[in-house]
């Protein structure tokens, strides 16, 4: 089950916005990239971050920019009713399902790709699993391990979106709009906070 982060928040917003299909493609893109990081962690490539120490603060700054950008998007998002009316007026300009799916997939992929610190996270997870005797120390297992990570991430988010879609009808659209704006504010605050902390640590 993926930890809370920009992808989880983005998938949540897609579900609240009644765009479960788009949320699934975001999860697939993110899961694909994270599975690669998990496979690299399995192979013990955290040495890359030790060899290139500048990569860590740079990736964190990129992550902060993404958080602030997503937060700003959620804050500026138009109310559901207004957006539905605009969609009806511009039905002819609507993007094809294939285009929409590709955009969601690329969004999830790109957000995860600029976060190589996931290698560190997965290294800790792999180390704990090895210590508990749950994994073999075999390089050939890196591929199935990565596939397992991909499957788990997609399965979790698909289940989450399914439940959210089922119970969404009980929530007023005004409440959903307010919730998404609150999420946007929290993302902006988190992005700015982590950014300031990274700059201060980098300065020392």
C-alpha atoms as a PDB file:
ATOM      1  CA  UNK A   1       0.000   0.000   0.000  1.00  0.00           C
ATOM      2  CA  UNK A   2       1.690   3.261  -1.142  1.00  0.00           C
ATOM      3  CA  UNK A   3       2.361   5.881   1.525  1.00  0.00           C
ATOM      4  CA  UNK A   4       0.629   9.247   1.405  1.00  0.00           C
ATOM      5  CA  UNK A   5       2.215  11.586  -1.131  1.00  0.00           C
ATOM      6  CA  UNK A   6       1.443  13.681  -4.212  1.00  0.00           C
ATOM      7  CA  UNK A   7       0.308  10.624  -6.186  1.00  0.00           C
ATOM      8  CA  UNK A   8      -2.051   9.507  -3.436  1.00  0.00           C
ATOM      9  CA  UNK A   9      -3.486  13.023  -3.199  1.00  0.00           C
ATOM     10  CA  UNK A  10      -3.824  13.268  -6.980  1.00  0.00           C
ATOM     11  CA  UNK A  11      -5.629   9.917  -7.184  1.00  0.00           C
ATOM     12  CA  UNK A  12      -7.884  10.997  -4.311  1.00  0.00           C
ATOM     13  CA  UNK A  13      -8.790  14.210  -6.137  1.00  0.00           C
ATOM     14  CA  UNK A  14      -9.545  12.262  -9.332  1.00  0.00           C
ATOM     15  CA  UNK A  15     -11.856   9.969  -7.386  1.00  0.00           C
ATOM     16  CA  UNK A  16     -13.652  12.872  -5.710  1.00  0.00           C
ATOM     17  CA  UNK A  17     -13.983  14.523  -9.122  1.00  0.00           C
ATOM     18  CA  UNK A  18     -15.677  11.377 -10.476  1.00  0.00           C
ATOM     19  CA  UNK A  19     -12.726  10.570 -12.732  1.00  0.00           C
ATOM     20  CA  UNK A  20     -11.842   7.102 -11.480  1.00  0.00           C
ATOM     21  CA  UNK A  21     -10.555   5.994 -14.901  1.00  0.00           C
ATOM     22  CA  UNK A  22      -8.122   8.909 -14.997  1.00  0.00           C
ATOM     23  CA  UNK A  23      -7.047   8.101 -11.444  1.00  0.00           C
ATOM     24  CA  UNK A  24      -6.270   4.508 -12.410  1.00  0.00           C
ATOM     25  CA  UNK A  25      -4.001   5.666 -15.243  1.00  0.00           C
ATOM     26  CA  UNK A  26      -2.218   8.056 -12.870  1.00  0.00           C
ATOM     27  CA  UNK A  27      -1.638   5.073 -10.578  1.00  0.00           C
ATOM     28  CA  UNK A  28      -0.371   2.921 -13.457  1.00  0.00           C
ATOM     29  CA  UNK A  29       2.151   5.576 -14.509  1.00  0.00           C
ATOM     30  CA  UNK A  30       3.329   6.139 -10.942  1.00  0.00           C
ATOM     31  CA  UNK A  31       3.420   2.416 -10.210  1.00  0.00           C
ATOM     32  CA  UNK A  32       5.494   1.679 -13.299  1.00  0.00           C
ATOM     33  CA  UNK A  33       8.146   4.225 -12.339  1.00  0.00           C
ATOM     34  CA  UNK A  34       8.147   3.257  -8.664  1.00  0.00           C
ATOM     35  CA  UNK A  35       8.533  -0.417  -9.565  1.00  0.00           C
ATOM     36  CA  UNK A  36      11.737   0.498 -11.411  1.00  0.00           C
ATOM     37  CA  UNK A  37      13.018   2.327  -8.335  1.00  0.00           C
ATOM     38  CA  UNK A  38      12.066  -0.667  -6.190  1.00  0.00           C
ATOM     39  CA  UNK A  39      13.978  -2.993  -8.525  1.00  0.00           C
ATOM     40  CA  UNK A  40      17.027  -0.723  -8.406  1.00  0.00           C
ATOM     41  CA  UNK A  41      16.822  -0.646  -4.609  1.00  0.00           C
ATOM     42  CA  UNK A  42      16.681  -4.444  -4.621  1.00  0.00           C
ATOM     43  CA  UNK A  43      19.942  -4.428  -6.567  1.00  0.00           C
ATOM     44  CA  UNK A  44      21.493  -2.113  -3.972  1.00  0.00           C
ATOM     45  CA  UNK A  45      21.895   0.974  -6.143  1.00  0.00           C
ATOM     46  CA  UNK A  46      21.536   3.480  -3.305  1.00  0.00           C
ATOM     47  CA  UNK A  47      25.265   3.989  -3.861  1.00  0.00           C
ATOM     48  CA  UNK A  48      24.187   6.255  -6.735  1.00  0.00           C
ATOM     49  CA  UNK A  49      22.884   8.824  -4.270  1.00  0.00           C
ATOM     50  CA  UNK A  50      26.102   8.591  -2.270  1.00  0.00           C
ATOM     51  CA  UNK A  51      28.148   9.108  -5.419  1.00  0.00           C
ATOM     52  CA  UNK A  52      26.032  12.054  -6.574  1.00  0.00           C
ATOM     53  CA  UNK A  53      24.989  13.828  -3.330  1.00  0.00           C
ATOM     54  CA  UNK A  54      23.627  16.810  -5.267  1.00  0.00           C
ATOM     55  CA  UNK A  55      20.885  14.566  -6.652  1.00  0.00           C
ATOM     56  CA  UNK A  56      19.109  14.385  -3.302  1.00  0.00           C
ATOM     57  CA  UNK A  57      18.451  18.114  -2.667  1.00  0.00           C
ATOM     58  CA  UNK A  58      17.723  18.760  -6.357  1.00  0.00           C
ATOM     59  CA  UNK A  59      15.107  15.992  -6.439  1.00  0.00           C
ATOM     60  CA  UNK A  60      13.538  17.367  -3.263  1.00  0.00           C
ATOM     61  CA  UNK A  61      13.290  20.861  -4.752  1.00  0.00           C
ATOM     62  CA  UNK A  62      11.627  19.388  -7.855  1.00  0.00           C
ATOM     63  CA  UNK A  63       9.241  17.512  -5.593  1.00  0.00           C
ATOM     64  CA  UNK A  64       8.410  20.748  -3.766  1.00  0.00           C
ATOM     65  CA  UNK A  65       7.637  22.515  -7.039  1.00  0.00           C
ATOM     66  CA  UNK A  66       5.316  19.671  -8.008  1.00  0.00           C
ATOM     67  CA  UNK A  67       3.526  19.858  -4.648  1.00  0.00           C
ATOM     68  CA  UNK A  68       3.047  23.630  -4.955  1.00  0.00           C
ATOM     69  CA  UNK A  69       1.921  23.282  -8.585  1.00  0.00           C
ATOM     70  CA  UNK A  70      -0.643  20.577  -7.763  1.00  0.00           C
ATOM     71  CA  UNK A  71      -1.834  22.544  -4.763  1.00  0.00           C
ATOM     72  CA  UNK A  72      -2.291  25.682  -6.838  1.00  0.00           C
ATOM     73  CA  UNK A  73      -4.218  23.682  -9.437  1.00  0.00           C
ATOM     74  CA  UNK A  74      -6.584  22.304  -6.792  1.00  0.00           C
ATOM     75  CA  UNK A  75      -7.091  25.751  -5.203  1.00  0.00           C
ATOM     76  CA  UNK A  76      -7.868  27.410  -8.551  1.00  0.00           C
ATOM     77  CA  UNK A  77     -10.115  24.542  -9.647  1.00  0.00           C
ATOM     78  CA  UNK A  78     -13.590  25.689 -10.640  1.00  0.00           C
ATOM     79  CA  UNK A  79     -16.677  24.387  -8.780  1.00  0.00           C
ATOM     80  CA  UNK A  80     -18.034  21.080 -10.075  1.00  0.00           C
ATOM     81  CA  UNK A  81     -21.324  22.505 -11.377  1.00  0.00           C
ATOM     82  CA  UNK A  82     -19.586  25.277 -13.320  1.00  0.00           C
ATOM     83  CA  UNK A  83     -17.135  22.808 -14.851  1.00  0.00           C
ATOM     84  CA  UNK A  84     -19.962  20.453 -15.857  1.00  0.00           C
ATOM     85  CA  UNK A  85     -21.782  23.325 -17.584  1.00  0.00           C
ATOM     86  CA  UNK A  86     -18.627  24.321 -19.467  1.00  0.00           C
ATOM     87  CA  UNK A  87     -18.135  20.723 -20.567  1.00  0.00           C
ATOM     88  CA  UNK A  88     -21.654  20.655 -22.017  1.00  0.00           C
ATOM     89  CA  UNK A  89     -21.027  23.921 -23.904  1.00  0.00           C
ATOM     90  CA  UNK A  90     -17.715  22.668 -25.301  1.00  0.00           C
ATOM     91  CA  UNK A  91     -18.631  19.025 -25.911  1.00  0.00           C
ATOM     92  CA  UNK A  92     -17.120  19.148 -29.382  1.00  0.00           C
ATOM     93  CA  UNK A  93     -13.699  20.096 -28.038  1.00  0.00           C
ATOM     94  CA  UNK A  94     -13.577  17.258 -25.547  1.00  0.00           C
ATOM     95  CA  UNK A  95     -10.322  15.275 -25.490  1.00  0.00           C
ATOM     96  CA  UNK A  96     -10.552  11.655 -26.617  1.00  0.00           C
ATOM     97  CA  UNK A  97     -10.472   8.927 -23.932  1.00  0.00           C
ATOM     98  CA  UNK A  98      -7.102   7.765 -25.290  1.00  0.00           C
ATOM     99  CA  UNK A  99      -5.578  11.247 -24.996  1.00  0.00           C
ATOM    100  CA  UNK A 100      -6.963  11.699 -21.496  1.00  0.00           C
ATOM    101  CA  UNK A 101      -5.608   8.311 -20.411  1.00  0.00           C
ATOM    102  CA  UNK A 102      -2.148   9.096 -21.814  1.00  0.00           C
ATOM    103  CA  UNK A 103      -2.054  12.462 -20.035  1.00  0.00           C
ATOM    104  CA  UNK A 104      -2.989  10.850 -16.720  1.00  0.00           C
ATOM    105  CA  UNK A 105      -0.434   8.079 -17.226  1.00  0.00           C
ATOM    106  CA  UNK A 106       2.345  10.548 -18.067  1.00  0.00           C
ATOM    107  CA  UNK A 107       1.406  12.745 -15.104  1.00  0.00           C
ATOM    108  CA  UNK A 108       1.755   9.858 -12.665  1.00  0.00           C
ATOM    109  CA  UNK A 109       4.964   8.690 -14.337  1.00  0.00           C
ATOM    110  CA  UNK A 110       6.635  12.125 -14.351  1.00  0.00           C
ATOM    111  CA  UNK A 111       5.757  13.004 -10.742  1.00  0.00           C
ATOM    112  CA  UNK A 112       7.298   9.746  -9.532  1.00  0.00           C
ATOM    113  CA  UNK A 113      10.275   9.944 -11.890  1.00  0.00           C
ATOM    114  CA  UNK A 114      11.562  13.179 -10.325  1.00  0.00           C
ATOM    115  CA  UNK A 115      11.678  11.535  -6.911  1.00  0.00           C
ATOM    116  CA  UNK A 116      14.751   9.244  -6.915  1.00  0.00           C
ATOM    117  CA  UNK A 117      14.715   9.317  -3.111  1.00  0.00           C
ATOM    118  CA  UNK A 118      12.206   6.471  -3.471  1.00  0.00           C
ATOM    119  CA  UNK A 119      15.272   4.281  -3.963  1.00  0.00           C
ATOM    120  CA  UNK A 120      16.241   5.050  -0.364  1.00  0.00           C
ATOM    121  CA  UNK A 121      12.709   4.286   0.850  1.00  0.00           C
ATOM    122  CA  UNK A 122      12.628   0.981  -0.982  1.00  0.00           C
ATOM    123  CA  UNK A 123      16.121   0.084   0.182  1.00  0.00           C
ATOM    124  CA  UNK A 124      14.898   0.340   3.771  1.00  0.00           C
ATOM    125  CA  UNK A 125      11.872  -1.815   2.917  1.00  0.00           C
ATOM    126  CA  UNK A 126      14.008  -4.400   1.121  1.00  0.00           C
ATOM    127  CA  UNK A 127      16.475  -4.466   4.021  1.00  0.00           C
ATOM    128  CA  UNK A 128      13.690  -5.084   6.514  1.00  0.00           C
ATOM    129  CA  UNK A 129      12.224  -7.851   4.334  1.00  0.00           C
ATOM    130  CA  UNK A 130      15.631  -9.486   3.950  1.00  0.00           C
ATOM    131  CA  UNK A 131      16.190  -9.271   7.694  1.00  0.00           C
ATOM    132  CA  UNK A 132      12.844 -10.971   8.333  1.00  0.00           C
ATOM    133  CA  UNK A 133      13.721 -13.750   5.882  1.00  0.00           C
ATOM    134  CA  UNK A 134      10.926 -12.816   3.480  1.00  0.00           C
ATOM    135  CA  UNK A 135      13.218 -12.215   0.466  1.00  0.00           C
ATOM    136  CA  UNK A 136      16.095 -14.119  -1.079  1.00  0.00           C
ATOM    137  CA  UNK A 137      19.356 -12.319  -1.740  1.00  0.00           C
ATOM    138  CA  UNK A 138      19.365 -13.004  -5.463  1.00  0.00           C
ATOM    139  CA  UNK A 139      19.768 -10.443  -8.260  1.00  0.00           C
ATOM    140  CA  UNK A 140      17.412 -12.438 -10.471  1.00  0.00           C
ATOM    141  CA  UNK A 141      14.590 -11.664  -8.041  1.00  0.00           C
ATOM    142  CA  UNK A 142      14.793  -7.917  -8.745  1.00  0.00           C
ATOM    143  CA  UNK A 143      12.456  -8.170 -11.762  1.00  0.00           C
ATOM    144  CA  UNK A 144       9.638 -10.140 -10.082  1.00  0.00           C
ATOM    145  CA  UNK A 145      10.022  -7.910  -7.024  1.00  0.00           C
ATOM    146  CA  UNK A 146       9.477  -4.813  -9.190  1.00  0.00           C
ATOM    147  CA  UNK A 147       6.494  -6.447 -10.914  1.00  0.00           C
ATOM    148  CA  UNK A 148       5.039  -7.235  -7.492  1.00  0.00           C
ATOM    149  CA  UNK A 149       5.413  -3.597  -6.464  1.00  0.00           C
ATOM    150  CA  UNK A 150       3.677  -2.444  -9.659  1.00  0.00           C
ATOM    151  CA  UNK A 151       0.822  -4.907  -9.159  1.00  0.00           C
ATOM    152  CA  UNK A 152       0.382  -3.935  -5.521  1.00  0.00           C
ATOM    153  CA  UNK A 153       0.284  -0.197  -6.224  1.00  0.00           C
ATOM    154  CA  UNK A 154      -2.260  -0.525  -9.042  1.00  0.00           C
ATOM    155  CA  UNK A 155      -4.413  -2.970  -7.055  1.00  0.00           C
ATOM    156  CA  UNK A 156      -4.463  -0.690  -4.011  1.00  0.00           C
ATOM    157  CA  UNK A 157      -5.392   2.461  -5.921  1.00  0.00           C
ATOM    158  CA  UNK A 158      -7.979   0.626  -8.045  1.00  0.00           C
ATOM    159  CA  UNK A 159      -9.626  -0.706  -4.865  1.00  0.00           C
ATOM    160  CA  UNK A 160      -9.445   2.736  -3.264  1.00  0.00           C
ATOM    161  CA  UNK A 161     -11.025   4.417  -6.311  1.00  0.00           C
ATOM    162  CA  UNK A 162     -13.720   1.742  -6.489  1.00  0.00           C
ATOM    163  CA  UNK A 163     -14.744   2.356  -2.888  1.00  0.00           C
ATOM    164  CA  UNK A 164     -14.556   6.119  -3.352  1.00  0.00           C
ATOM    165  CA  UNK A 165     -16.750   5.977  -6.468  1.00  0.00           C
ATOM    166  CA  UNK A 166     -19.300   3.814  -4.676  1.00  0.00           C
ATOM    167  CA  UNK A 167     -19.698   6.116  -1.680  1.00  0.00           C
ATOM    168  CA  UNK A 168     -19.135   9.410  -3.506  1.00  0.00           C
ATOM    169  CA  UNK A 169     -22.855   9.784  -4.247  1.00  0.00           C
ATOM    170  CA  UNK A 170     -23.496  10.268  -0.530  1.00  0.00           C
ATOM    171  CA  UNK A 171     -21.254  13.348  -0.463  1.00  0.00           C
ATOM    172  CA  UNK A 172     -22.498  16.766  -1.602  1.00  0.00           C
ATOM    173  CA  UNK A 173     -20.598  18.309  -4.526  1.00  0.00           C
ATOM    174  CA  UNK A 174     -20.025  21.477  -2.497  1.00  0.00           C
ATOM    175  CA  UNK A 175     -18.303  19.433   0.203  1.00  0.00           C
ATOM    176  CA  UNK A 176     -16.145  17.722  -2.409  1.00  0.00           C
ATOM    177  CA  UNK A 177     -15.100  21.092  -3.879  1.00  0.00           C
ATOM    178  CA  UNK A 178     -14.171  22.383  -0.413  1.00  0.00           C
ATOM    179  CA  UNK A 179     -12.231  19.194   0.381  1.00  0.00           C
ATOM    180  CA  UNK A 180     -10.190  19.473  -2.828  1.00  0.00           C
ATOM    181  CA  UNK A 181      -9.375  23.134  -2.100  1.00  0.00           C
ATOM    182  CA  UNK A 182      -8.263  22.211   1.429  1.00  0.00           C
ATOM    183  CA  UNK A 183      -6.058  19.489  -0.064  1.00  0.00           C
ATOM    184  CA  UNK A 184      -4.615  22.139  -2.397  1.00  0.00           C
ATOM    185  CA  UNK A 185      -3.764  24.466   0.493  1.00  0.00           C
ATOM    186  CA  UNK A 186      -2.124  21.612   2.431  1.00  0.00           C
ATOM    187  CA  UNK A 187      -0.061  20.646  -0.622  1.00  0.00           C
ATOM    188  CA  UNK A 188       1.174  24.205  -1.108  1.00  0.00           C
ATOM    189  CA  UNK A 189       2.088  24.499   2.576  1.00  0.00           C
ATOM    190  CA  UNK A 190       3.847  21.122   2.496  1.00  0.00           C
ATOM    191  CA  UNK A 191       5.757  22.048  -0.665  1.00  0.00           C
ATOM    192  CA  UNK A 192       6.898  25.391   0.721  1.00  0.00           C
ATOM    193  CA  UNK A 193       7.797  23.844   4.079  1.00  0.00           C
ATOM    194  CA  UNK A 194       9.861  21.028   2.614  1.00  0.00           C
ATOM    195  CA  UNK A 195      11.482  23.455   0.177  1.00  0.00           C
ATOM    196  CA  UNK A 196      12.570  25.841   2.944  1.00  0.00           C
ATOM    197  CA  UNK A 197      13.860  22.930   5.026  1.00  0.00           C
ATOM    198  CA  UNK A 198      15.823  21.556   2.074  1.00  0.00           C
ATOM    199  CA  UNK A 199      17.415  24.938   1.310  1.00  0.00           C
ATOM    200  CA  UNK A 200      18.376  25.438   4.978  1.00  0.00           C
ATOM    201  CA  UNK A 201      19.894  21.942   5.210  1.00  0.00           C
ATOM    202  CA  UNK A 202      21.655  22.418   1.879  1.00  0.00           C
ATOM    203  CA  UNK A 203      23.115  25.730   3.100  1.00  0.00           C
ATOM    204  CA  UNK A 204      24.737  23.967   6.021  1.00  0.00           C
END
